[in-house]
Amino acid sequence: MLQSRRLLAFSSRVHTYTLLLYVFFFFVYILGGYFQVADSFVALVHYCLTLVSWTSLLFGFWLLIFSAIVFASSGIYSGAEAILTVLRMALVYALGLIIALLEAFFAHGVILS
C-alpha cells in the first residue's frame, strides 16, 4: 500500500516535470514568432509541443486511473494528486488552445462580417 502511494507521488512529480517541459517548448514556440528562425526549427518545436502534450495528457489519464486503483486497494484517497493532475492536464490543454488560436490568427487573420 505504501509503495503504491509513493509511486503515485513520484509519478505526480514526473507529471509536473512534463508540464515544465511543455511550458519551455511553449515559450520557445512563442518567441520563435518574435525572432527570425528557420521554418524547420518552427516545425521541430511544433512537433515537440505535440509530442510532449500528448505524453502529458496520456500520462495524466494514467495517473487518474492509478489513483483510483490506489484508492480501491488501500481505502485512502489521494485527492491532492488527482486534483493537481487534472489542473496540470487543463493547463496543457489551455496552452495548446492558445497555440491553435495564434496559428489560426496568423494564418487566416481576423474576418469581420
PDB file of N, CA and C in Angstrom:
ATOM      1  N   MET A   1       0.814  -1.186   0.000  1.00  0.00           N
ATOM      2  CA  MET A   1       0.000   0.000   0.000  1.00  0.00           C
ATOM      3  C   MET A   1       0.867   1.263   0.000  1.00  0.00           C
ATOM      4  N   LEU A   2       1.845   1.286   0.896  1.00  0.00           N
ATOM      5  CA  LEU A   2       2.709   2.443   0.988  1.00  0.00           C
ATOM      6  C   LEU A   2       3.523   2.619  -0.282  1.00  0.00           C
ATOM      7  N   GLN A   3       3.960   1.502  -0.864  1.00  0.00           N
ATOM      8  CA  GLN A   3       4.730   1.584  -2.112  1.00  0.00           C
ATOM      9  C   GLN A   3       3.880   2.150  -3.250  1.00  0.00           C
ATOM     10  N   SER A   4       2.617   1.796  -3.288  1.00  0.00           N
ATOM     11  CA  SER A   4       1.726   2.318  -4.327  1.00  0.00           C
ATOM     12  C   SER A   4       1.533   3.821  -4.173  1.00  0.00           C
ATOM     13  N   ARG A   5       1.356   4.276  -2.938  1.00  0.00           N
ATOM     14  CA  ARG A   5       1.191   5.713  -2.716  1.00  0.00           C
ATOM     15  C   ARG A   5       2.482   6.471  -3.023  1.00  0.00           C
ATOM     16  N   ARG A   6       3.608   5.867  -2.700  1.00  0.00           N
ATOM     17  CA  ARG A   6       4.892   6.507  -3.042  1.00  0.00           C
ATOM     18  C   ARG A   6       5.077   6.574  -4.553  1.00  0.00           C
ATOM     19  N   LEU A   7       4.712   5.512  -5.251  1.00  0.00           N
ATOM     20  CA  LEU A   7       4.801   5.510  -6.710  1.00  0.00           C
ATOM     21  C   LEU A   7       3.871   6.559  -7.305  1.00  0.00           C
ATOM     22  N   LEU A   8       2.690   6.712  -6.716  1.00  0.00           N
ATOM     23  CA  LEU A   8       1.753   7.727  -7.186  1.00  0.00           C
ATOM     24  C   LEU A   8       2.308   9.128  -6.961  1.00  0.00           C
ATOM     25  N   ALA A   9       2.921   9.365  -5.806  1.00  0.00           N
ATOM     26  CA  ALA A   9       3.505  10.682  -5.530  1.00  0.00           C
ATOM     27  C   ALA A   9       4.676  10.966  -6.473  1.00  0.00           C
ATOM     28  N   PHE A  10       5.515   9.970  -6.711  1.00  0.00           N
ATOM     29  CA  PHE A  10       6.636  10.151  -7.640  1.00  0.00           C
ATOM     30  C   PHE A  10       6.135  10.397  -9.060  1.00  0.00           C
ATOM     31  N   SER A  11       5.127   9.654  -9.480  1.00  0.00           N
ATOM     32  CA  SER A  11       4.570   9.827 -10.826  1.00  0.00           C
ATOM     33  C   SER A  11       3.933  11.206 -10.973  1.00  0.00           C
ATOM     34  N   SER A  12       3.334  11.697  -9.909  1.00  0.00           N
ATOM     35  CA  SER A  12       2.775  13.046  -9.940  1.00  0.00           C
ATOM     36  C   SER A  12       3.875  14.084 -10.115  1.00  0.00           C
ATOM     37  N   ARG A  13       5.004  13.860  -9.477  1.00  0.00           N
ATOM     38  CA  ARG A  13       6.148  14.753  -9.640  1.00  0.00           C
ATOM     39  C   ARG A  13       6.674  14.708 -11.077  1.00  0.00           C
ATOM     40  N   VAL A  14       6.737  13.520 -11.656  1.00  0.00           N
ATOM     41  CA  VAL A  14       7.185  13.386 -13.045  1.00  0.00           C
ATOM     42  C   VAL A  14       6.210  14.104 -13.980  1.00  0.00           C
ATOM     43  N   HIS A  15       4.925  14.033 -13.676  1.00  0.00           N
ATOM     44  CA  HIS A  15       3.922  14.724 -14.485  1.00  0.00           C
ATOM     45  C   HIS A  15       4.130  16.238 -14.415  1.00  0.00           C
ATOM     46  N   THR A  16       4.542  16.736 -13.259  1.00  0.00           N
ATOM     47  CA  THR A  16       4.861  18.154 -13.137  1.00  0.00           C
ATOM     48  C   THR A  16       6.039  18.516 -14.026  1.00  0.00           C
ATOM     49  N   TYR A  17       7.025  17.642 -14.101  1.00  0.00           N
ATOM     50  CA  TYR A  17       8.191  17.902 -14.950  1.00  0.00           C
ATOM     51  C   TYR A  17       7.820  17.893 -16.426  1.00  0.00           C
ATOM     52  N   THR A  18       6.877  17.044 -16.824  1.00  0.00           N
ATOM     53  CA  THR A  18       6.428  17.086 -18.217  1.00  0.00           C
ATOM     54  C   THR A  18       5.700  18.394 -18.509  1.00  0.00           C
ATOM     55  N   LEU A  19       4.978  18.918 -17.512  1.00  0.00           N
ATOM     56  CA  LEU A  19       4.333  20.221 -17.682  1.00  0.00           C
ATOM     57  C   LEU A  19       5.379  21.317 -17.854  1.00  0.00           C
ATOM     58  N   LEU A  20       6.441  21.279 -17.056  1.00  0.00           N
ATOM     59  CA  LEU A  20       7.502  22.269 -17.193  1.00  0.00           C
ATOM     60  C   LEU A  20       8.181  22.167 -18.551  1.00  0.00           C
ATOM     61  N   LEU A  21       8.373  20.957 -19.056  1.00  0.00           N
ATOM     62  CA  LEU A  21       8.943  20.772 -20.385  1.00  0.00           C
ATOM     63  C   LEU A  21       8.017  21.352 -21.452  1.00  0.00           C
ATOM     64  N   TYR A  22       6.717  21.157 -21.284  1.00  0.00           N
ATOM     65  CA  TYR A  22       5.758  21.708 -22.232  1.00  0.00           C
ATOM     66  C   TYR A  22       5.779  23.229 -22.197  1.00  0.00           C
ATOM     67  N   VAL A  23       5.854  23.813 -21.006  1.00  0.00           N
ATOM     68  CA  VAL A  23       5.899  25.270 -20.888  1.00  0.00           C
ATOM     69  C   VAL A  23       7.169  25.814 -21.544  1.00  0.00           C
ATOM     70  N   PHE A  24       8.290  25.101 -21.408  1.00  0.00           N
ATOM     71  CA  PHE A  24       9.523  25.516 -22.073  1.00  0.00           C
ATOM     72  C   PHE A  24       9.340  25.549 -23.587  1.00  0.00           C
ATOM     73  N   PHE A  25       8.812  24.476 -24.160  1.00  0.00           N
ATOM     74  CA  PHE A  25       8.598  24.445 -25.607  1.00  0.00           C
ATOM     75  C   PHE A  25       7.554  25.477 -26.040  1.00  0.00           C
ATOM     76  N   PHE A  26       6.583  25.749 -25.176  1.00  0.00           N
ATOM     77  CA  PHE A  26       5.586  26.778 -25.468  1.00  0.00           C
ATOM     78  C   PHE A  26       6.255  28.140 -25.601  1.00  0.00           C
ATOM     79  N   PHE A  27       7.126  28.487 -24.663  1.00  0.00           N
ATOM     80  CA  PHE A  27       7.818  29.767 -24.739  1.00  0.00           C
ATOM     81  C   PHE A  27       8.776  29.830 -25.929  1.00  0.00           C
ATOM     82  N   VAL A  28       9.439  28.727 -26.232  1.00  0.00           N
ATOM     83  CA  VAL A  28      10.314  28.709 -27.404  1.00  0.00           C
ATOM     84  C   VAL A  28       9.482  28.925 -28.664  1.00  0.00           C
ATOM     85  N   TYR A  29       8.311  28.317 -28.734  1.00  0.00           N
ATOM     86  CA  TYR A  29       7.445  28.476 -29.898  1.00  0.00           C
ATOM     87  C   TYR A  29       6.951  29.913 -30.015  1.00  0.00           C
ATOM     88  N   ILE A  30       6.541  30.507 -28.897  1.00  0.00           N
ATOM     89  CA  ILE A  30       6.050  31.885 -28.910  1.00  0.00           C
ATOM     90  C   ILE A  30       7.181  32.844 -29.271  1.00  0.00           C
ATOM     91  N   LEU A  31       8.367  32.644 -28.699  1.00  0.00           N
ATOM     92  CA  LEU A  31       9.491  33.524 -29.010  1.00  0.00           C
ATOM     93  C   LEU A  31       9.986  33.338 -30.437  1.00  0.00           C
ATOM     94  N   GLY A  32       9.702  32.196 -31.029  1.00  0.00           N
ATOM     95  CA  GLY A  32      10.065  31.985 -32.429  1.00  0.00           C
ATOM     96  C   GLY A  32       9.317  32.923 -33.358  1.00  0.00           C
ATOM     97  N   GLY A  33       8.185  33.461 -32.911  1.00  0.00           N
ATOM     98  CA  GLY A  33       7.450  34.431 -33.708  1.00  0.00           C
ATOM     99  C   GLY A  33       8.059  35.822 -33.653  1.00  0.00           C
ATOM    100  N   TYR A  34       8.851  36.091 -32.634  1.00  0.00           N
ATOM    101  CA  TYR A  34       9.461  37.415 -32.491  1.00  0.00           C
ATOM    102  C   TYR A  34      10.861  37.499 -33.092  1.00  0.00           C
ATOM    103  N   PHE A  35      11.507  36.368 -33.251  1.00  0.00           N
ATOM    104  CA  PHE A  35      12.855  36.344 -33.797  1.00  0.00           C
ATOM    105  C   PHE A  35      12.839  35.606 -35.131  1.00  0.00           C
ATOM    106  N   GLN A  36      13.823  35.885 -35.937  1.00  0.00           N
ATOM    107  CA  GLN A  36      13.906  35.229 -37.236  1.00  0.00           C
ATOM    108  C   GLN A  36      14.517  33.839 -37.058  1.00  0.00           C
ATOM    109  N   VAL A  37      13.712  32.836 -37.314  1.00  0.00           N
ATOM    110  CA  VAL A  37      14.158  31.445 -37.203  1.00  0.00           C
ATOM    111  C   VAL A  37      13.764  30.714 -38.477  1.00  0.00           C
ATOM    112  N   ALA A  38      14.410  29.593 -38.713  1.00  0.00           N
ATOM    113  CA  ALA A  38      14.112  28.795 -39.904  1.00  0.00           C
ATOM    114  C   ALA A  38      12.777  28.070 -39.734  1.00  0.00           C
ATOM    115  N   ASP A  39      12.152  27.792 -40.847  1.00  0.00           N
ATOM    116  CA  ASP A  39      10.870  27.077 -40.814  1.00  0.00           C
ATOM    117  C   ASP A  39      11.035  25.672 -40.257  1.00  0.00           C
ATOM    118  N   SER A  40      12.178  25.073 -40.489  1.00  0.00           N
ATOM    119  CA  SER A  40      12.408  23.729 -39.956  1.00  0.00           C
ATOM    120  C   SER A  40      12.481  23.745 -38.430  1.00  0.00           C
ATOM    121  N   PHE A  41      13.013  24.830 -37.861  1.00  0.00           N
ATOM    122  CA  PHE A  41      13.058  24.954 -36.407  1.00  0.00           C
ATOM    123  C   PHE A  41      11.654  25.083 -35.830  1.00  0.00           C
ATOM    124  N   VAL A  42      10.818  25.868 -36.480  1.00  0.00           N
ATOM    125  CA  VAL A  42       9.434  26.023 -36.026  1.00  0.00           C
ATOM    126  C   VAL A  42       8.695  24.697 -36.123  1.00  0.00           C
ATOM    127  N   ALA A  43       8.937  23.955 -37.195  1.00  0.00           N
ATOM    128  CA  ALA A  43       8.302  22.649 -37.355  1.00  0.00           C
ATOM    129  C   ALA A  43       8.772  21.677 -36.274  1.00  0.00           C
ATOM    130  N   LEU A  44      10.066  21.725 -35.950  1.00  0.00           N
ATOM    131  CA  LEU A  44      10.598  20.858 -34.895  1.00  0.00           C
ATOM    132  C   LEU A  44      10.004  21.197 -33.535  1.00  0.00           C
ATOM    133  N   VAL A  45       9.902  22.475 -33.220  1.00  0.00           N
ATOM    134  CA  VAL A  45       9.319  22.883 -31.940  1.00  0.00           C
ATOM    135  C   VAL A  45       7.845  22.515 -31.883  1.00  0.00           C
ATOM    136  N   HIS A  46       7.139  22.660 -33.004  1.00  0.00           N
ATOM    137  CA  HIS A  46       5.724  22.276 -33.035  1.00  0.00           C
ATOM    138  C   HIS A  46       5.570  20.765 -32.832  1.00  0.00           C
ATOM    139  N   TYR A  47       6.455  19.986 -33.431  1.00  0.00           N
ATOM    140  CA  TYR A  47       6.434  18.542 -33.226  1.00  0.00           C
ATOM    141  C   TYR A  47       6.698  18.196 -31.761  1.00  0.00           C
ATOM    142  N   CYS A  48       7.676  18.870 -31.153  1.00  0.00           N
ATOM    143  CA  CYS A  48       7.977  18.625 -29.733  1.00  0.00           C
ATOM    144  C   CYS A  48       6.795  19.012 -28.850  1.00  0.00           C
ATOM    145  N   LEU A  49       6.130  20.116 -29.178  1.00  0.00           N
ATOM    146  CA  LEU A  49       4.936  20.519 -28.420  1.00  0.00           C
ATOM    147  C   LEU A  49       3.850  19.454 -28.515  1.00  0.00           C
ATOM    148  N   THR A  50       3.632  18.948 -29.708  1.00  0.00           N
ATOM    149  CA  THR A  50       2.607  17.924 -29.889  1.00  0.00           C
ATOM    150  C   THR A  50       2.964  16.649 -29.135  1.00  0.00           C
ATOM    151  N   LEU A  51       4.203  16.241 -29.243  1.00  0.00           N
ATOM    152  CA  LEU A  51       4.648  15.019 -28.570  1.00  0.00           C
ATOM    153  C   LEU A  51       4.550  15.143 -27.050  1.00  0.00           C
ATOM    154  N   VAL A  52       5.023  16.235 -26.500  1.00  0.00           N
ATOM    155  CA  VAL A  52       5.004  16.412 -25.044  1.00  0.00           C
ATOM    156  C   VAL A  52       3.573  16.601 -24.542  1.00  0.00           C
ATOM    157  N   SER A  53       2.727  17.268 -25.323  1.00  0.00           N
ATOM    158  CA  SER A  53       1.347  17.458 -24.870  1.00  0.00           C
ATOM    159  C   SER A  53       0.588  16.137 -24.819  1.00  0.00           C
ATOM    160  N   TRP A  54       0.728  15.313 -25.867  1.00  0.00           N
ATOM    161  CA  TRP A  54       0.051  14.017 -25.843  1.00  0.00           C
ATOM    162  C   TRP A  54       0.616  13.114 -24.740  1.00  0.00           C
ATOM    163  N   THR A  55       1.924  13.171 -24.552  1.00  0.00           N
ATOM    164  CA  THR A  55       2.537  12.384 -23.478  1.00  0.00           C
ATOM    165  C   THR A  55       2.010  12.815 -22.123  1.00  0.00           C
ATOM    166  N   SER A  56       1.930  14.125 -21.914  1.00  0.00           N
ATOM    167  CA  SER A  56       1.462  14.645 -20.639  1.00  0.00           C
ATOM    168  C   SER A  56      -0.008  14.300 -20.399  1.00  0.00           C
ATOM    169  N   LEU A  57      -0.823  14.427 -21.430  1.00  0.00           N
ATOM    170  CA  LEU A  57      -2.249  14.114 -21.259  1.00  0.00           C
ATOM    171  C   LEU A  57      -2.473  12.619 -21.012  1.00  0.00           C
ATOM    172  N   LEU A  58      -1.801  11.775 -21.771  1.00  0.00           N
ATOM    173  CA  LEU A  58      -1.964  10.331 -21.564  1.00  0.00           C
ATOM    174  C   LEU A  58      -1.404   9.891 -20.215  1.00  0.00           C
ATOM    175  N   PHE A  59      -0.286  10.487 -19.808  1.00  0.00           N
ATOM    176  CA  PHE A  59       0.288  10.176 -18.501  1.00  0.00           C
ATOM    177  C   PHE A  59      -0.636  10.666 -17.387  1.00  0.00           C
ATOM    178  N   GLY A  60      -1.310  11.793 -17.615  1.00  0.00           N
ATOM    179  CA  GLY A  60      -2.284  12.287 -16.640  1.00  0.00           C
ATOM    180  C   GLY A  60      -3.473  11.350 -16.494  1.00  0.00           C
ATOM    181  N   PHE A  61      -3.966  10.818 -17.612  1.00  0.00           N
ATOM    182  CA  PHE A  61      -5.056   9.847 -17.528  1.00  0.00           C
ATOM    183  C   PHE A  61      -4.603   8.592 -16.778  1.00  0.00           C
ATOM    184  N   TRP A  62      -3.371   8.171 -17.044  1.00  0.00           N
ATOM    185  CA  TRP A  62      -2.853   7.013 -16.325  1.00  0.00           C
ATOM    186  C   TRP A  62      -2.768   7.313 -14.827  1.00  0.00           C
ATOM    187  N   LEU A  63      -2.357   8.523 -14.454  1.00  0.00           N
ATOM    188  CA  LEU A  63      -2.285   8.891 -13.043  1.00  0.00           C
ATOM    189  C   LEU A  63      -3.664   8.887 -12.388  1.00  0.00           C
ATOM    190  N   LEU A  64      -4.670   9.361 -13.109  1.00  0.00           N
ATOM    191  CA  LEU A  64      -6.026   9.347 -12.545  1.00  0.00           C
ATOM    192  C   LEU A  64      -6.524   7.921 -12.341  1.00  0.00           C
ATOM    193  N   ILE A  65      -6.244   7.055 -13.295  1.00  0.00           N
ATOM    194  CA  ILE A  65      -6.638   5.653 -13.149  1.00  0.00           C
ATOM    195  C   ILE A  65      -5.862   4.994 -12.014  1.00  0.00           C
ATOM    196  N   PHE A  66      -4.573   5.303 -11.922  1.00  0.00           N
ATOM    197  CA  PHE A  66      -3.749   4.721 -10.870  1.00  0.00           C
ATOM    198  C   PHE A  66      -4.173   5.226  -9.491  1.00  0.00           C
ATOM    199  N   SER A  67      -4.597   6.488  -9.387  1.00  0.00           N
ATOM    200  CA  SER A  67      -5.066   6.984  -8.100  1.00  0.00           C
ATOM    201  C   SER A  67      -6.365   6.295  -7.700  1.00  0.00           C
ATOM    202  N   ALA A  68      -7.213   5.943  -8.683  1.00  0.00           N
ATOM    203  CA  ALA A  68      -8.425   5.184  -8.369  1.00  0.00           C
ATOM    204  C   ALA A  68      -8.078   3.768  -7.923  1.00  0.00           C
ATOM    205  N   ILE A  69      -7.057   3.176  -8.539  1.00  0.00           N
ATOM    206  CA  ILE A  69      -6.626   1.836  -8.130  1.00  0.00           C
ATOM    207  C   ILE A  69      -6.058   1.863  -6.714  1.00  0.00           C
ATOM    208  N   VAL A  70      -5.257   2.888  -6.411  1.00  0.00           N
ATOM    209  CA  VAL A  70      -4.704   3.016  -5.058  1.00  0.00           C
ATOM    210  C   VAL A  70      -5.822   3.214  -4.055  1.00  0.00           C
ATOM    211  N   PHE A  71      -6.840   3.989  -4.403  1.00  0.00           N
ATOM    212  CA  PHE A  71      -7.973   4.188  -3.508  1.00  0.00           C
ATOM    213  C   PHE A  71      -8.736   2.882  -3.297  1.00  0.00           C
ATOM    214  N   ALA A  72      -8.909   2.105  -4.354  1.00  0.00           N
ATOM    215  CA  ALA A  72      -9.640   0.845  -4.228  1.00  0.00           C
ATOM    216  C   ALA A  72      -8.868  -0.176  -3.399  1.00  0.00           C
ATOM    217  N   SER A  73      -7.558  -0.148  -3.488  1.00  0.00           N
ATOM    218  CA  SER A  73      -6.785  -1.154  -2.759  1.00  0.00           C
ATOM    219  C   SER A  73      -6.498  -0.760  -1.314  1.00  0.00           C
ATOM    220  N   SER A  74      -6.318   0.544  -1.049  1.00  0.00           N
ATOM    221  CA  SER A  74      -5.940   0.930   0.306  1.00  0.00           C
ATOM    222  C   SER A  74      -7.039   1.638   1.073  1.00  0.00           C
ATOM    223  N   GLY A  75      -8.018   2.178   0.379  1.00  0.00           N
ATOM    224  CA  GLY A  75      -9.088   2.886   1.053  1.00  0.00           C
ATOM    225  C   GLY A  75      -8.748   4.329   1.378  1.00  0.00           C
ATOM    226  N   ILE A  76      -7.538   4.756   1.050  1.00  0.00           N
ATOM    227  CA  ILE A  76      -7.113   6.129   1.291  1.00  0.00           C
ATOM    228  C   ILE A  76      -7.089   6.841  -0.056  1.00  0.00           C
ATOM    229  N   TYR A  77      -7.922   7.874  -0.159  1.00  0.00           N
ATOM    230  CA  TYR A  77      -7.997   8.590  -1.431  1.00  0.00           C
ATOM    231  C   TYR A  77      -6.941   9.685  -1.455  1.00  0.00           C
ATOM    232  N   SER A  78      -6.144   9.682  -2.475  1.00  0.00           N
ATOM    233  CA  SER A  78      -5.115  10.707  -2.642  1.00  0.00           C
ATOM    234  C   SER A  78      -5.684  11.813  -3.519  1.00  0.00           C
ATOM    235  N   GLY A  79      -6.502  12.642  -2.925  1.00  0.00           N
ATOM    236  CA  GLY A  79      -7.188  13.692  -3.664  1.00  0.00           C
ATOM    237  C   GLY A  79      -6.270  14.773  -4.182  1.00  0.00           C
ATOM    238  N   ALA A  80      -5.196  15.056  -3.450  1.00  0.00           N
ATOM    239  CA  ALA A  80      -4.279  16.116  -3.884  1.00  0.00           C
ATOM    240  C   ALA A  80      -3.638  15.756  -5.215  1.00  0.00           C
ATOM    241  N   GLU A  81      -3.174  14.516  -5.354  1.00  0.00           N
ATOM    242  CA  GLU A  81      -2.558  14.110  -6.610  1.00  0.00           C
ATOM    243  C   GLU A  81      -3.564  14.138  -7.754  1.00  0.00           C
ATOM    244  N   ALA A  82      -4.788  13.699  -7.489  1.00  0.00           N
ATOM    245  CA  ALA A  82      -5.806  13.666  -8.547  1.00  0.00           C
ATOM    246  C   ALA A  82      -6.191  15.073  -8.979  1.00  0.00           C
ATOM    247  N   ILE A  83      -6.385  15.968  -8.023  1.00  0.00           N
ATOM    248  CA  ILE A  83      -6.775  17.343  -8.358  1.00  0.00           C
ATOM    249  C   ILE A  83      -5.644  18.056  -9.082  1.00  0.00           C
ATOM    250  N   LEU A  84      -4.425  17.892  -8.594  1.00  0.00           N
ATOM    251  CA  LEU A  84      -3.292  18.531  -9.262  1.00  0.00           C
ATOM    252  C   LEU A  84      -3.061  17.955 -10.658  1.00  0.00           C
ATOM    253  N   THR A  85      -3.327  16.676 -10.829  1.00  0.00           N
ATOM    254  CA  THR A  85      -3.201  16.070 -12.154  1.00  0.00           C
ATOM    255  C   THR A  85      -4.211  16.669 -13.120  1.00  0.00           C
ATOM    256  N   VAL A  86      -5.439  16.835 -12.667  1.00  0.00           N
ATOM    257  CA  VAL A  86      -6.469  17.443 -13.519  1.00  0.00           C
ATOM    258  C   VAL A  86      -6.097  18.884 -13.852  1.00  0.00           C
ATOM    259  N   LEU A  87      -5.570  19.624 -12.889  1.00  0.00           N
ATOM    260  CA  LEU A  87      -5.161  21.006 -13.144  1.00  0.00           C
ATOM    261  C   LEU A  87      -4.001  21.081 -14.137  1.00  0.00           C
ATOM    262  N   ARG A  88      -3.031  20.177 -13.998  1.00  0.00           N
ATOM    263  CA  ARG A  88      -1.912  20.159 -14.948  1.00  0.00           C
ATOM    264  C   ARG A  88      -2.394  19.807 -16.341  1.00  0.00           C
ATOM    265  N   MET A  89      -3.307  18.852 -16.441  1.00  0.00           N
ATOM    266  CA  MET A  89      -3.849  18.480 -17.744  1.00  0.00           C
ATOM    267  C   MET A  89      -4.638  19.645 -18.352  1.00  0.00           C
ATOM    268  N   ALA A  90      -5.384  20.370 -17.533  1.00  0.00           N
ATOM    269  CA  ALA A  90      -6.138  21.517 -18.024  1.00  0.00           C
ATOM    270  C   ALA A  90      -5.207  22.625 -18.502  1.00  0.00           C
ATOM    271  N   LEU A  91      -4.087  22.813 -17.820  1.00  0.00           N
ATOM    272  CA  LEU A  91      -3.117  23.828 -18.243  1.00  0.00           C
ATOM    273  C   LEU A  91      -2.481  23.463 -19.578  1.00  0.00           C
ATOM    274  N   VAL A  92      -2.143  22.197 -19.758  1.00  0.00           N
ATOM    275  CA  VAL A  92      -1.585  21.759 -21.043  1.00  0.00           C
ATOM    276  C   VAL A  92      -2.611  21.962 -22.152  1.00  0.00           C
ATOM    277  N   TYR A  93      -3.855  21.640 -21.879  1.00  0.00           N
ATOM    278  CA  TYR A  93      -4.908  21.824 -22.872  1.00  0.00           C
ATOM    279  C   TYR A  93      -5.096  23.306 -23.191  1.00  0.00           C
ATOM    280  N   ALA A  94      -5.081  24.160 -22.168  1.00  0.00           N
ATOM    281  CA  ALA A  94      -5.264  25.599 -22.379  1.00  0.00           C
ATOM    282  C   ALA A  94      -4.115  26.192 -23.186  1.00  0.00           C
ATOM    283  N   LEU A  95      -2.883  25.795 -22.892  1.00  0.00           N
ATOM    284  CA  LEU A  95      -1.750  26.296 -23.656  1.00  0.00           C
ATOM    285  C   LEU A  95      -1.805  25.805 -25.105  1.00  0.00           C
ATOM    286  N   GLY A  96      -2.243  24.580 -25.306  1.00  0.00           N
ATOM    287  CA  GLY A  96      -2.428  24.071 -26.668  1.00  0.00           C
ATOM    288  C   GLY A  96      -3.502  24.840 -27.410  1.00  0.00           C
ATOM    289  N   LEU A  97      -4.554  25.237 -26.700  1.00  0.00           N
ATOM    290  CA  LEU A  97      -5.611  26.035 -27.311  1.00  0.00           C
ATOM    291  C   LEU A  97      -5.096  27.420 -27.687  1.00  0.00           C
ATOM    292  N   ILE A  98      -4.248  27.998 -26.846  1.00  0.00           N
ATOM    293  CA  ILE A  98      -3.654  29.299 -27.164  1.00  0.00           C
ATOM    294  C   ILE A  98      -2.803  29.198 -28.425  1.00  0.00           C
ATOM    295  N   ILE A  99      -2.022  28.131 -28.528  1.00  0.00           N
ATOM    296  CA  ILE A  99      -1.193  27.951 -29.721  1.00  0.00           C
ATOM    297  C   ILE A  99      -2.065  27.789 -30.963  1.00  0.00           C
ATOM    298  N   ALA A 100      -3.134  27.019 -30.858  1.00  0.00           N
ATOM    299  CA  ALA A 100      -4.027  26.824 -32.013  1.00  0.00           C
ATOM    300  C   ALA A 100      -4.687  28.142 -32.415  1.00  0.00           C
ATOM    301  N   LEU A 101      -5.096  28.949 -31.437  1.00  0.00           N
ATOM    302  CA  LEU A 101      -5.704  30.239 -31.760  1.00  0.00           C
ATOM    303  C   LEU A 101      -4.701  31.186 -32.410  1.00  0.00           C
ATOM    304  N   LEU A 102      -3.474  31.204 -31.899  1.00  0.00           N
ATOM    305  CA  LEU A 102      -2.451  32.054 -32.503  1.00  0.00           C
ATOM    306  C   LEU A 102      -2.127  31.610 -33.930  1.00  0.00           C
ATOM    307  N   GLU A 103      -2.041  30.308 -34.152  1.00  0.00           N
ATOM    308  CA  GLU A 103      -1.781  29.816 -35.509  1.00  0.00           C
ATOM    309  C   GLU A 103      -2.918  30.181 -36.457  1.00  0.00           C
ATOM    310  N   ALA A 104      -4.158  30.054 -35.987  1.00  0.00           N
ATOM    311  CA  ALA A 104      -5.299  30.411 -36.835  1.00  0.00           C
ATOM    312  C   ALA A 104      -5.310  31.910 -37.114  1.00  0.00           C
ATOM    313  N   PHE A 105      -4.958  32.712 -36.114  1.00  0.00           N
ATOM    314  CA  PHE A 105      -4.924  34.162 -36.304  1.00  0.00           C
ATOM    315  C   PHE A 105      -3.853  34.564 -37.293  1.00  0.00           C
ATOM    316  N   PHE A 106      -2.667  33.986 -37.171  1.00  0.00           N
ATOM    317  CA  PHE A 106      -1.583  34.365 -38.080  1.00  0.00           C
ATOM    318  C   PHE A 106      -1.766  33.788 -39.480  1.00  0.00           C
ATOM    319  N   ALA A 107      -2.416  32.647 -39.594  1.00  0.00           N
ATOM    320  CA  ALA A 107      -2.600  32.037 -40.910  1.00  0.00           C
ATOM    321  C   ALA A 107      -3.764  32.643 -41.674  1.00  0.00           C
ATOM    322  N   HIS A 108      -4.858  32.963 -40.969  1.00  0.00           N
ATOM    323  CA  HIS A 108      -6.070  33.409 -41.649  1.00  0.00           C
ATOM    324  C   HIS A 108      -6.464  34.845 -41.324  1.00  0.00           C
ATOM    325  N   GLY A 109      -5.912  35.411 -40.277  1.00  0.00           N
ATOM    326  CA  GLY A 109      -6.263  36.773 -39.895  1.00  0.00           C
ATOM    327  C   GLY A 109      -7.624  36.847 -39.220  1.00  0.00           C
ATOM    328  N   VAL A 110      -8.123  38.051 -39.085  1.00  0.00           N
ATOM    329  CA  VAL A 110      -9.424  38.275 -38.465  1.00  0.00           C
ATOM    330  C   VAL A 110     -10.419  38.633 -39.563  1.00  0.00           C
ATOM    331  N   ILE A 111     -11.540  37.942 -39.578  1.00  0.00           N
ATOM    332  CA  ILE A 111     -12.574  38.196 -40.576  1.00  0.00           C
ATOM    333  C   ILE A 111     -13.794  38.757 -39.864  1.00  0.00           C
ATOM    334  N   LEU A 112     -14.156  39.950 -40.212  1.00  0.00           N
ATOM    335  CA  LEU A 112     -15.345  40.589 -39.655  1.00  0.00           C
ATOM    336  C   LEU A 112     -16.446  40.535 -40.691  1.00  0.00           C
ATOM    337  N   SER A 113     -17.608  40.077 -40.254  1.00  0.00           N
ATOM    338  CA  SER A 113     -18.709  40.016 -41.219  1.00  0.00           C
ATOM    339  C   SER A 113     -19.939  40.666 -40.674  1.00  0.00           C
TER     340      SER A 113
END
